C-alpha cells in the first residue's frame, strides 16, 4: 500500500516590509482542503474536515492516503491568488514523497 509523506513544519516567509513571520503550514493545508473555489457540498466538506483534523493533530509530518492527497491537490489547484510565499506549501503537496506502508488488519 502507498501513502504520501507531507512535511507539516512551519517555515519563514518575508513580508513586503521585510518582516519575517512564520507560515503556518497545518492551518494553510486545512484552508486549501476547504477552499471556497471548490464549491463543496456538505458531504465534501465533512470528508475534508476529517483530513483537516488529522493534519492538525499530527506532529511534524503526516502520511496521507492517495485519496486524501487528491483532496489536497484539488484544493491547491483551485486556489486563486497564490504568491511566492505559498510556493513551499504547494511543493509539499504536489511533490510529496510516496512511501510504502504495511496494510493494517482490523
PDB file of N, CA and C in Angstrom:
ATOM      1  N   UNK A   1       0.846  -1.170   0.000  1.00  0.00           N
ATOM      2  CA  UNK A   1       0.000   0.000   0.000  1.00  0.00           C
ATOM      3  C   UNK A   1       0.897   1.241   0.000  1.00  0.00           C
ATOM      4  N   UNK A   2       0.422   2.295  -0.647  1.00  0.00           N
ATOM      5  CA  UNK A   2       1.223   3.507  -0.772  1.00  0.00           C
ATOM      6  C   UNK A   2       0.562   4.665  -0.026  1.00  0.00           C
ATOM      7  N   UNK A   3       1.403   5.476   0.604  1.00  0.00           N
ATOM      8  CA  UNK A   3       0.938   6.698   1.258  1.00  0.00           C
ATOM      9  C   UNK A   3       1.891   7.821   0.866  1.00  0.00           C
ATOM     10  N   UNK A   4       1.501   9.029   1.184  1.00  0.00           N
ATOM     11  CA  UNK A   4       2.323  10.184   0.853  1.00  0.00           C
ATOM     12  C   UNK A   4       2.724  10.906   2.129  1.00  0.00           C
ATOM     13  N   UNK A   5       4.032  11.157   2.256  1.00  0.00           N
ATOM     14  CA  UNK A   5       4.560  11.824   3.436  1.00  0.00           C
ATOM     15  C   UNK A   5       4.607  13.329   3.179  1.00  0.00           C
ATOM     16  N   UNK A   6       3.928  14.079   4.051  1.00  0.00           N
ATOM     17  CA  UNK A   6       3.860  15.529   3.906  1.00  0.00           C
ATOM     18  C   UNK A   6       4.514  16.184   5.116  1.00  0.00           C
ATOM     19  N   UNK A   7       5.434  17.104   4.852  1.00  0.00           N
ATOM     20  CA  UNK A   7       6.121  17.883   5.881  1.00  0.00           C
ATOM     21  C   UNK A   7       5.155  18.943   6.399  1.00  0.00           C
ATOM     22  N   UNK A   8       4.904  18.943   7.709  1.00  0.00           N
ATOM     23  CA  UNK A   8       3.969  19.882   8.314  1.00  0.00           C
ATOM     24  C   UNK A   8       4.645  21.002   9.102  1.00  0.00           C
ATOM     25  N   UNK A   9       5.962  21.044   9.062  1.00  0.00           N
ATOM     26  CA  UNK A   9       6.661  22.077   9.837  1.00  0.00           C
ATOM     27  C   UNK A   9       6.454  23.453   9.210  1.00  0.00           C
ATOM     28  N   UNK A  10       6.306  24.438  10.076  1.00  0.00           N
ATOM     29  CA  UNK A  10       6.178  25.813   9.610  1.00  0.00           C
ATOM     30  C   UNK A  10       7.495  26.266   8.992  1.00  0.00           C
ATOM     31  N   UNK A  11       7.418  27.253   8.126  1.00  0.00           N
ATOM     32  CA  UNK A  11       8.616  27.855   7.553  1.00  0.00           C
ATOM     33  C   UNK A  11       8.475  29.365   7.610  1.00  0.00           C
ATOM     34  N   UNK A  12       9.560  30.054   7.358  1.00  0.00           N
ATOM     35  CA  UNK A  12       9.576  31.510   7.477  1.00  0.00           C
ATOM     36  C   UNK A  12       9.360  32.152   6.111  1.00  0.00           C
ATOM     37  N   UNK A  13       8.487  33.165   6.080  1.00  0.00           N
ATOM     38  CA  UNK A  13       8.277  33.948   4.867  1.00  0.00           C
ATOM     39  C   UNK A  13       8.638  35.398   5.158  1.00  0.00           C
ATOM     40  N   UNK A  14       8.941  36.140   4.113  1.00  0.00           N
ATOM     41  CA  UNK A  14       9.266  37.550   4.254  1.00  0.00           C
ATOM     42  C   UNK A  14       8.139  38.390   3.661  1.00  0.00           C
ATOM     43  N   UNK A  15       7.603  39.271   4.476  1.00  0.00           N
ATOM     44  CA  UNK A  15       6.527  40.156   4.035  1.00  0.00           C
ATOM     45  C   UNK A  15       7.101  41.317   3.230  1.00  0.00           C
ATOM     46  N   UNK A  16       6.251  42.065   2.523  1.00  0.00           N
ATOM     47  CA  UNK A  16       6.740  43.187   1.708  1.00  0.00           C
ATOM     48  C   UNK A  16       7.561  44.217   2.490  1.00  0.00           C
ATOM     49  N   UNK A  17       7.309  44.343   3.794  1.00  0.00           N
ATOM     50  CA  UNK A  17       8.083  45.290   4.610  1.00  0.00           C
ATOM     51  C   UNK A  17       9.368  44.665   5.171  1.00  0.00           C
ATOM     52  N   UNK A  18       9.753  43.509   4.614  1.00  0.00           N
ATOM     53  CA  UNK A  18      10.948  42.754   5.001  1.00  0.00           C
ATOM     54  C   UNK A  18      10.863  42.113   6.384  1.00  0.00           C
ATOM     55  N   UNK A  19       9.689  42.119   6.978  1.00  0.00           N
ATOM     56  CA  UNK A  19       9.487  41.448   8.257  1.00  0.00           C
ATOM     57  C   UNK A  19       9.348  39.946   7.997  1.00  0.00           C
ATOM     58  N   UNK A  20      10.031  39.138   8.787  1.00  0.00           N
ATOM     59  CA  UNK A  20       9.932  37.687   8.662  1.00  0.00           C
ATOM     60  C   UNK A  20       8.924  37.150   9.669  1.00  0.00           C
ATOM     61  N   UNK A  21       8.034  36.303   9.181  1.00  0.00           N
ATOM     62  CA  UNK A  21       6.990  35.714  10.017  1.00  0.00           C
ATOM     63  C   UNK A  21       6.847  34.230   9.673  1.00  0.00           C
ATOM     64  N   UNK A  22       6.314  33.440  10.608  1.00  0.00           N
ATOM     65  CA  UNK A  22       6.109  32.019  10.290  1.00  0.00           C
ATOM     66  C   UNK A  22       4.930  31.814   9.351  1.00  0.00           C
ATOM     67  N   UNK A  23       5.089  30.868   8.446  1.00  0.00           N
ATOM     68  CA  UNK A  23       4.000  30.430   7.562  1.00  0.00           C
ATOM     69  C   UNK A  23       3.436  29.175   8.208  1.00  0.00           C
ATOM     70  N   UNK A  24       2.201  29.241   8.640  1.00  0.00           N
ATOM     71  CA  UNK A  24       1.583  28.146   9.389  1.00  0.00           C
ATOM     72  C   UNK A  24       1.054  27.085   8.423  1.00  0.00           C
ATOM     73  N   UNK A  25       1.830  26.031   8.274  1.00  0.00           N
ATOM     74  CA  UNK A  25       1.560  25.002   7.271  1.00  0.00           C
ATOM     75  C   UNK A  25       0.274  24.230   7.559  1.00  0.00           C
ATOM     76  N   UNK A  26       0.090  23.785   8.780  1.00  0.00           N
ATOM     77  CA  UNK A  26      -1.098  22.980   9.089  1.00  0.00           C
ATOM     78  C   UNK A  26      -2.381  23.760   8.803  1.00  0.00           C
ATOM     79  N   UNK A  27      -2.445  24.995   9.286  1.00  0.00           N
ATOM     80  CA  UNK A  27      -3.637  25.814   9.054  1.00  0.00           C
ATOM     81  C   UNK A  27      -3.849  26.065   7.561  1.00  0.00           C
ATOM     82  N   UNK A  28      -2.754  26.297   6.845  1.00  0.00           N
ATOM     83  CA  UNK A  28      -2.850  26.572   5.410  1.00  0.00           C
ATOM     84  C   UNK A  28      -3.335  25.352   4.640  1.00  0.00           C
ATOM     85  N   UNK A  29      -2.872  24.164   5.021  1.00  0.00           N
ATOM     86  CA  UNK A  29      -3.353  22.940   4.381  1.00  0.00           C
ATOM     87  C   UNK A  29      -4.854  22.759   4.615  1.00  0.00           C
ATOM     88  N   UNK A  30      -5.287  23.049   5.835  1.00  0.00           N
ATOM     89  CA  UNK A  30      -6.717  22.927   6.144  1.00  0.00           C
ATOM     90  C   UNK A  30      -7.541  23.918   5.329  1.00  0.00           C
ATOM     91  N   UNK A  31      -7.020  25.124   5.144  1.00  0.00           N
ATOM     92  CA  UNK A  31      -7.732  26.107   4.324  1.00  0.00           C
ATOM     93  C   UNK A  31      -7.815  25.651   2.871  1.00  0.00           C
ATOM     94  N   UNK A  32      -6.740  25.047   2.365  1.00  0.00           N
ATOM     95  CA  UNK A  32      -6.775  24.541   0.989  1.00  0.00           C
ATOM     96  C   UNK A  32      -7.786  23.408   0.842  1.00  0.00           C
ATOM     97  N   UNK A  33      -7.868  22.547   1.848  1.00  0.00           N
ATOM     98  CA  UNK A  33      -8.824  21.438   1.803  1.00  0.00           C
ATOM     99  C   UNK A  33     -10.252  21.939   1.636  1.00  0.00           C
ATOM    100  N   UNK A  34     -10.553  23.071   2.260  1.00  0.00           N
ATOM    101  CA  UNK A  34     -11.922  23.593   2.256  1.00  0.00           C
ATOM    102  C   UNK A  34     -12.012  24.884   1.448  1.00  0.00           C
ATOM    103  N   UNK A  35     -11.171  25.000   0.458  1.00  0.00           N
ATOM    104  CA  UNK A  35     -11.115  26.172  -0.403  1.00  0.00           C
ATOM    105  C   UNK A  35     -12.503  26.479  -0.974  1.00  0.00           C
ATOM    106  N   UNK A  36     -12.996  27.703  -0.783  1.00  0.00           N
ATOM    107  CA  UNK A  36     -14.322  28.055  -1.319  1.00  0.00           C
ATOM    108  C   UNK A  36     -14.449  27.867  -2.836  1.00  0.00           C
ATOM    109  N   UNK A  37     -13.332  27.947  -3.556  1.00  0.00           N
ATOM    110  CA  UNK A  37     -13.370  27.741  -5.007  1.00  0.00           C
ATOM    111  C   UNK A  37     -13.825  26.329  -5.373  1.00  0.00           C
ATOM    112  N   UNK A  38     -13.736  25.392  -4.430  1.00  0.00           N
ATOM    113  CA  UNK A  38     -14.167  24.018  -4.687  1.00  0.00           C
ATOM    114  C   UNK A  38     -15.684  23.873  -4.665  1.00  0.00           C
ATOM    115  N   UNK A  39     -16.370  24.864  -4.103  1.00  0.00           N
ATOM    116  CA  UNK A  39     -17.840  24.853  -4.019  1.00  0.00           C
ATOM    117  C   UNK A  39     -18.333  23.514  -3.440  1.00  0.00           C
ATOM    118  N   UNK A  40     -17.815  23.187  -2.263  1.00  0.00           N
ATOM    119  CA  UNK A  40     -18.115  21.912  -1.619  1.00  0.00           C
ATOM    120  C   UNK A  40     -19.564  21.834  -1.171  1.00  0.00           C
ATOM    121  N   UNK A  41     -20.112  20.622  -1.248  1.00  0.00           N
ATOM    122  CA  UNK A  41     -21.400  20.358  -0.627  1.00  0.00           C
ATOM    123  C   UNK A  41     -21.122  19.858   0.794  1.00  0.00           C
ATOM    124  N   UNK A  42     -22.167  19.538   1.526  1.00  0.00           N
ATOM    125  CA  UNK A  42     -21.994  19.103   2.912  1.00  0.00           C
ATOM    126  C   UNK A  42     -21.129  17.871   3.057  1.00  0.00           C
ATOM    127  N   UNK A  43     -21.346  16.884   2.199  1.00  0.00           N
ATOM    128  CA  UNK A  43     -20.571  15.643   2.272  1.00  0.00           C
ATOM    129  C   UNK A  43     -19.096  15.910   2.014  1.00  0.00           C
ATOM    130  N   UNK A  44     -18.805  16.684   0.978  1.00  0.00           N
ATOM    131  CA  UNK A  44     -17.409  17.007   0.659  1.00  0.00           C
ATOM    132  C   UNK A  44     -16.736  17.778   1.769  1.00  0.00           C
ATOM    133  N   UNK A  45     -17.475  18.703   2.384  1.00  0.00           N
ATOM    134  CA  UNK A  45     -16.924  19.488   3.489  1.00  0.00           C
ATOM    135  C   UNK A  45     -16.563  18.588   4.662  1.00  0.00           C
ATOM    136  N   UNK A  46     -17.471  17.675   5.009  1.00  0.00           N
ATOM    137  CA  UNK A  46     -17.210  16.788   6.143  1.00  0.00           C
ATOM    138  C   UNK A  46     -16.066  15.817   5.867  1.00  0.00           C
ATOM    139  N   UNK A  47     -15.960  15.318   4.630  1.00  0.00           N
ATOM    140  CA  UNK A  47     -14.841  14.431   4.274  1.00  0.00           C
ATOM    141  C   UNK A  47     -13.517  15.165   4.481  1.00  0.00           C
ATOM    142  N   UNK A  48     -13.456  16.384   4.010  1.00  0.00           N
ATOM    143  CA  UNK A  48     -12.218  17.156   4.108  1.00  0.00           C
ATOM    144  C   UNK A  48     -11.941  17.595   5.543  1.00  0.00           C
ATOM    145  N   UNK A  49     -12.993  17.805   6.321  1.00  0.00           N
ATOM    146  CA  UNK A  49     -12.804  18.180   7.721  1.00  0.00           C
ATOM    147  C   UNK A  49     -12.098  17.076   8.499  1.00  0.00           C
ATOM    148  N   UNK A  50     -12.438  15.826   8.206  1.00  0.00           N
ATOM    149  CA  UNK A  50     -11.773  14.690   8.871  1.00  0.00           C
ATOM    150  C   UNK A  50     -10.267  14.731   8.586  1.00  0.00           C
ATOM    151  N   UNK A  51      -9.911  15.012   7.347  1.00  0.00           N
ATOM    152  CA  UNK A  51      -8.491  15.094   6.971  1.00  0.00           C
ATOM    153  C   UNK A  51      -7.845  16.285   7.658  1.00  0.00           C
ATOM    154  N   UNK A  52      -8.547  17.409   7.691  1.00  0.00           N
ATOM    155  CA  UNK A  52      -8.023  18.594   8.357  1.00  0.00           C
ATOM    156  C   UNK A  52      -7.747  18.349   9.833  1.00  0.00           C
ATOM    157  N   UNK A  53      -8.661  17.685  10.508  1.00  0.00           N
ATOM    158  CA  UNK A  53      -8.460  17.367  11.934  1.00  0.00           C
ATOM    159  C   UNK A  53      -7.255  16.449  12.118  1.00  0.00           C
ATOM    160  N   UNK A  54      -7.087  15.519  11.206  1.00  0.00           N
ATOM    161  CA  UNK A  54      -5.941  14.602  11.234  1.00  0.00           C
ATOM    162  C   UNK A  54      -4.637  15.391  11.085  1.00  0.00           C
ATOM    163  N   UNK A  55      -4.628  16.365  10.172  1.00  0.00           N
ATOM    164  CA  UNK A  55      -3.442  17.204   9.951  1.00  0.00           C
ATOM    165  C   UNK A  55      -3.144  18.022  11.199  1.00  0.00           C
ATOM    166  N   UNK A  56      -4.158  18.650  11.772  1.00  0.00           N
ATOM    167  CA  UNK A  56      -3.954  19.495  12.953  1.00  0.00           C
ATOM    168  C   UNK A  56      -3.445  18.701  14.153  1.00  0.00           C
ATOM    169  N   UNK A  57      -3.836  17.436  14.253  1.00  0.00           N
ATOM    170  CA  UNK A  57      -3.424  16.596  15.381  1.00  0.00           C
ATOM    171  C   UNK A  57      -2.040  15.968  15.193  1.00  0.00           C
ATOM    172  N   UNK A  58      -1.512  16.023  13.969  1.00  0.00           N
ATOM    173  CA  UNK A  58      -0.238  15.362  13.662  1.00  0.00           C
ATOM    174  C   UNK A  58       0.947  16.177  14.179  1.00  0.00           C
ATOM    175  N   UNK A  59       2.097  15.531  14.171  1.00  0.00           N
ATOM    176  CA  UNK A  59       3.346  16.186  14.551  1.00  0.00           C
ATOM    177  C   UNK A  59       3.948  16.939  13.381  1.00  0.00           C
ATOM    178  N   UNK A  60       5.222  16.708  13.132  1.00  0.00           N
ATOM    179  CA  UNK A  60       5.959  17.431  12.091  1.00  0.00           C
ATOM    180  C   UNK A  60       5.750  16.886  10.685  1.00  0.00           C
ATOM    181  N   UNK A  61       5.173  15.700  10.578  1.00  0.00           N
ATOM    182  CA  UNK A  61       4.863  15.139   9.264  1.00  0.00           C
ATOM    183  C   UNK A  61       3.675  14.206   9.401  1.00  0.00           C
ATOM    184  N   UNK A  62       3.088  13.886   8.249  1.00  0.00           N
ATOM    185  CA  UNK A  62       1.903  13.035   8.251  1.00  0.00           C
ATOM    186  C   UNK A  62       1.929  12.154   7.009  1.00  0.00           C
ATOM    187  N   UNK A  63       1.370  10.961   7.143  1.00  0.00           N
ATOM    188  CA  UNK A  63       1.169  10.078   5.993  1.00  0.00           C
ATOM    189  C   UNK A  63      -0.294  10.174   5.589  1.00  0.00           C
ATOM    190  N   UNK A  64      -0.517  10.491   4.331  1.00  0.00           N
ATOM    191  CA  UNK A  64      -1.870  10.608   3.808  1.00  0.00           C
ATOM    192  C   UNK A  64      -2.084   9.603   2.683  1.00  0.00           C
ATOM    193  N   UNK A  65      -3.288   9.081   2.603  1.00  0.00           N
ATOM    194  CA  UNK A  65      -3.631   8.135   1.540  1.00  0.00           C
ATOM    195  C   UNK A  65      -3.690   8.862   0.199  1.00  0.00           C
ATOM    196  N   UNK A  66      -3.757   8.091  -0.859  1.00  0.00           N
ATOM    197  CA  UNK A  66      -3.885   8.661  -2.201  1.00  0.00           C
ATOM    198  C   UNK A  66      -5.145   9.527  -2.307  1.00  0.00           C
ATOM    199  N   UNK A  67      -6.238   9.057  -1.728  1.00  0.00           N
ATOM    200  CA  UNK A  67      -7.493   9.816  -1.753  1.00  0.00           C
ATOM    201  C   UNK A  67      -7.346  11.134  -0.989  1.00  0.00           C
ATOM    202  N   UNK A  68      -6.738  11.087   0.192  1.00  0.00           N
ATOM    203  CA  UNK A  68      -6.548  12.300   0.990  1.00  0.00           C
ATOM    204  C   UNK A  68      -5.659  13.304   0.256  1.00  0.00           C
ATOM    205  N   UNK A  69      -4.597  12.804  -0.380  1.00  0.00           N
ATOM    206  CA  UNK A  69      -3.722  13.690  -1.155  1.00  0.00           C
ATOM    207  C   UNK A  69      -4.485  14.284  -2.339  1.00  0.00           C
ATOM    208  N   UNK A  70      -5.391  13.507  -2.920  1.00  0.00           N
ATOM    209  CA  UNK A  70      -6.201  14.015  -4.016  1.00  0.00           C
ATOM    210  C   UNK A  70      -7.017  15.225  -3.601  1.00  0.00           C
ATOM    211  N   UNK A  71      -7.566  15.183  -2.386  1.00  0.00           N
ATOM    212  CA  UNK A  71      -8.327  16.327  -1.882  1.00  0.00           C
ATOM    213  C   UNK A  71      -7.428  17.551  -1.709  1.00  0.00           C
ATOM    214  N   UNK A  72      -6.214  17.329  -1.179  1.00  0.00           N
ATOM    215  CA  UNK A  72      -5.275  18.447  -1.021  1.00  0.00           C
ATOM    216  C   UNK A  72      -4.880  19.032  -2.370  1.00  0.00           C
ATOM    217  N   UNK A  73      -4.613  18.159  -3.333  1.00  0.00           N
ATOM    218  CA  UNK A  73      -4.228  18.625  -4.668  1.00  0.00           C
ATOM    219  C   UNK A  73      -5.357  19.409  -5.320  1.00  0.00           C
ATOM    220  N   UNK A  74      -6.584  18.951  -5.142  1.00  0.00           N
ATOM    221  CA  UNK A  74      -7.733  19.686  -5.680  1.00  0.00           C
ATOM    222  C   UNK A  74      -7.794  21.092  -5.094  1.00  0.00           C
ATOM    223  N   UNK A  75      -7.581  21.192  -3.793  1.00  0.00           N
ATOM    224  CA  UNK A  75      -7.607  22.492  -3.133  1.00  0.00           C
ATOM    225  C   UNK A  75      -6.500  23.399  -3.623  1.00  0.00           C
ATOM    226  N   UNK A  76      -5.302  22.851  -3.791  1.00  0.00           N
ATOM    227  CA  UNK A  76      -4.173  23.653  -4.275  1.00  0.00           C
ATOM    228  C   UNK A  76      -4.412  24.106  -5.708  1.00  0.00           C
ATOM    229  N   UNK A  77      -4.939  23.222  -6.537  1.00  0.00           N
ATOM    230  CA  UNK A  77      -5.189  23.562  -7.935  1.00  0.00           C
ATOM    231  C   UNK A  77      -6.298  24.601  -8.086  1.00  0.00           C
ATOM    232  N   UNK A  78      -7.253  24.606  -7.165  1.00  0.00           N
ATOM    233  CA  UNK A  78      -8.373  25.541  -7.244  1.00  0.00           C
ATOM    234  C   UNK A  78      -8.055  26.897  -6.615  1.00  0.00           C
ATOM    235  N   UNK A  79      -6.984  26.964  -5.826  1.00  0.00           N
ATOM    236  CA  UNK A  79      -6.662  28.198  -5.101  1.00  0.00           C
ATOM    237  C   UNK A  79      -6.345  29.337  -6.060  1.00  0.00           C
ATOM    238  N   UNK A  80      -6.852  30.494  -5.730  1.00  0.00           N
ATOM    239  CA  UNK A  80      -6.608  31.705  -6.516  1.00  0.00           C
ATOM    240  C   UNK A  80      -5.770  32.676  -5.679  1.00  0.00           C
ATOM    241  N   UNK A  81      -4.928  33.437  -6.339  1.00  0.00           N
ATOM    242  CA  UNK A  81      -4.159  34.465  -5.645  1.00  0.00           C
ATOM    243  C   UNK A  81      -2.963  33.956  -4.870  1.00  0.00           C
ATOM    244  N   UNK A  82      -2.438  32.797  -5.236  1.00  0.00           N
ATOM    245  CA  UNK A  82      -1.241  32.297  -4.567  1.00  0.00           C
ATOM    246  C   UNK A  82      -0.058  33.202  -4.888  1.00  0.00           C
ATOM    247  N   UNK A  83       0.927  33.208  -3.990  1.00  0.00           N
ATOM    248  CA  UNK A  83       2.097  34.063  -4.184  1.00  0.00           C
ATOM    249  C   UNK A  83       3.370  33.277  -3.905  1.00  0.00           C
ATOM    250  N   UNK A  84       4.480  33.970  -4.000  1.00  0.00           N
ATOM    251  CA  UNK A  84       5.779  33.350  -3.733  1.00  0.00           C
ATOM    252  C   UNK A  84       5.809  32.702  -2.350  1.00  0.00           C
ATOM    253  N   UNK A  85       5.113  33.291  -1.395  1.00  0.00           N
ATOM    254  CA  UNK A  85       5.084  32.744  -0.040  1.00  0.00           C
ATOM    255  C   UNK A  85       4.438  31.362   0.023  1.00  0.00           C
ATOM    256  N   UNK A  86       3.638  31.036  -0.977  1.00  0.00           N
ATOM    257  CA  UNK A  86       2.922  29.754  -0.988  1.00  0.00           C
ATOM    258  C   UNK A  86       3.654  28.647  -1.743  1.00  0.00           C
ATOM    259  N   UNK A  87       4.764  28.993  -2.388  1.00  0.00           N
ATOM    260  CA  UNK A  87       5.476  28.015  -3.224  1.00  0.00           C
ATOM    261  C   UNK A  87       5.859  26.778  -2.417  1.00  0.00           C
ATOM    262  N   UNK A  88       6.445  26.964  -1.250  1.00  0.00           N
ATOM    263  CA  UNK A  88       6.884  25.818  -0.441  1.00  0.00           C
ATOM    264  C   UNK A  88       5.707  24.935  -0.058  1.00  0.00           C
ATOM    265  N   UNK A  89       4.585  25.539   0.300  1.00  0.00           N
ATOM    266  CA  UNK A  89       3.396  24.766   0.668  1.00  0.00           C
ATOM    267  C   UNK A  89       2.911  23.923  -0.507  1.00  0.00           C
ATOM    268  N   UNK A  90       2.789  24.543  -1.668  1.00  0.00           N
ATOM    269  CA  UNK A  90       2.303  23.820  -2.845  1.00  0.00           C
ATOM    270  C   UNK A  90       3.279  22.716  -3.241  1.00  0.00           C
ATOM    271  N   UNK A  91       4.572  22.974  -3.132  1.00  0.00           N
ATOM    272  CA  UNK A  91       5.562  21.920  -3.418  1.00  0.00           C
ATOM    273  C   UNK A  91       5.383  20.737  -2.479  1.00  0.00           C
ATOM    274  N   UNK A  92       5.121  21.024  -1.216  1.00  0.00           N
ATOM    275  CA  UNK A  92       4.948  19.932  -0.246  1.00  0.00           C
ATOM    276  C   UNK A  92       3.751  19.059  -0.603  1.00  0.00           C
ATOM    277  N   UNK A  93       2.772  19.624  -1.262  1.00  0.00           N
ATOM    278  CA  UNK A  93       1.609  18.847  -1.691  1.00  0.00           C
ATOM    279  C   UNK A  93       1.910  18.112  -2.997  1.00  0.00           C
ATOM    280  N   UNK A  94       2.302  18.861  -4.001  1.00  0.00           N
ATOM    281  CA  UNK A  94       2.455  18.283  -5.338  1.00  0.00           C
ATOM    282  C   UNK A  94       3.683  17.387  -5.479  1.00  0.00           C
ATOM    283  N   UNK A  95       4.681  17.584  -4.605  1.00  0.00           N
ATOM    284  CA  UNK A  95       5.898  16.784  -4.681  1.00  0.00           C
ATOM    285  C   UNK A  95       6.085  15.896  -3.448  1.00  0.00           C
ATOM    286  N   UNK A  96       4.984  15.570  -2.766  1.00  0.00           N
ATOM    287  CA  UNK A  96       5.063  14.720  -1.568  1.00  0.00           C
ATOM    288  C   UNK A  96       5.670  13.364  -1.921  1.00  0.00           C
ATOM    289  N   UNK A  97       6.503  12.885  -1.028  1.00  0.00           N
ATOM    290  CA  UNK A  97       7.183  11.600  -1.230  1.00  0.00           C
ATOM    291  C   UNK A  97       6.202  10.439  -1.044  1.00  0.00           C
ATOM    292  N   UNK A  98       6.151   9.567  -2.030  1.00  0.00           N
ATOM    293  CA  UNK A  98       5.349   8.349  -1.923  1.00  0.00           C
ATOM    294  C   UNK A  98       6.156   7.320  -1.149  1.00  0.00           C
ATOM    295  N   UNK A  99       5.538   6.713  -0.156  1.00  0.00           N
ATOM    296  CA  UNK A  99       6.213   5.700   0.658  1.00  0.00           C
ATOM    297  C   UNK A  99       5.336   4.457   0.747  1.00  0.00           C
ATOM    298  N   UNK A 100       5.983   3.322   0.867  1.00  0.00           N
ATOM    299  CA  UNK A 100       5.261   2.062   1.036  1.00  0.00           C
ATOM    300  C   UNK A 100       4.922   1.895   2.513  1.00  0.00           C
ATOM    301  N   UNK A 101       3.698   1.502   2.778  1.00  0.00           N
ATOM    302  CA  UNK A 101       3.277   1.237   4.150  1.00  0.00           C
ATOM    303  C   UNK A 101       2.586  -0.120   4.198  1.00  0.00           C
ATOM    304  N   UNK A 102       2.728  -0.777   5.331  1.00  0.00           N
ATOM    305  CA  UNK A 102       2.088  -2.078   5.504  1.00  0.00           C
ATOM    306  C   UNK A 102       0.595  -1.874   5.752  1.00  0.00           C
ATOM    307  N   UNK A 103      -0.219  -2.728   5.158  1.00  0.00           N
ATOM    308  CA  UNK A 103      -1.658  -2.643   5.404  1.00  0.00           C
ATOM    309  C   UNK A 103      -1.950  -3.109   6.810  1.00  0.00           C
ATOM    310  N   UNK A 104      -2.889  -2.420   7.460  1.00  0.00           N
ATOM    311  CA  UNK A 104      -3.290  -2.801   8.803  1.00  0.00           C
ATOM    312  C   UNK A 104      -4.490  -3.716   8.737  1.00  0.00           C
ATOM    313  N   UNK A 105      -4.444  -4.789   9.503  1.00  0.00           N
ATOM    314  CA  UNK A 105      -5.560  -5.735   9.569  1.00  0.00           C
ATOM    315  C   UNK A 105      -6.387  -5.353  10.774  1.00  0.00           C
ATOM    316  N   UNK A 106      -7.671  -5.158  10.555  1.00  0.00           N
ATOM    317  CA  UNK A 106      -8.544  -4.763  11.676  1.00  0.00           C
ATOM    318  C   UNK A 106      -9.341  -5.925  12.180  1.00  0.00           C
TER     319      UNK A 106
END
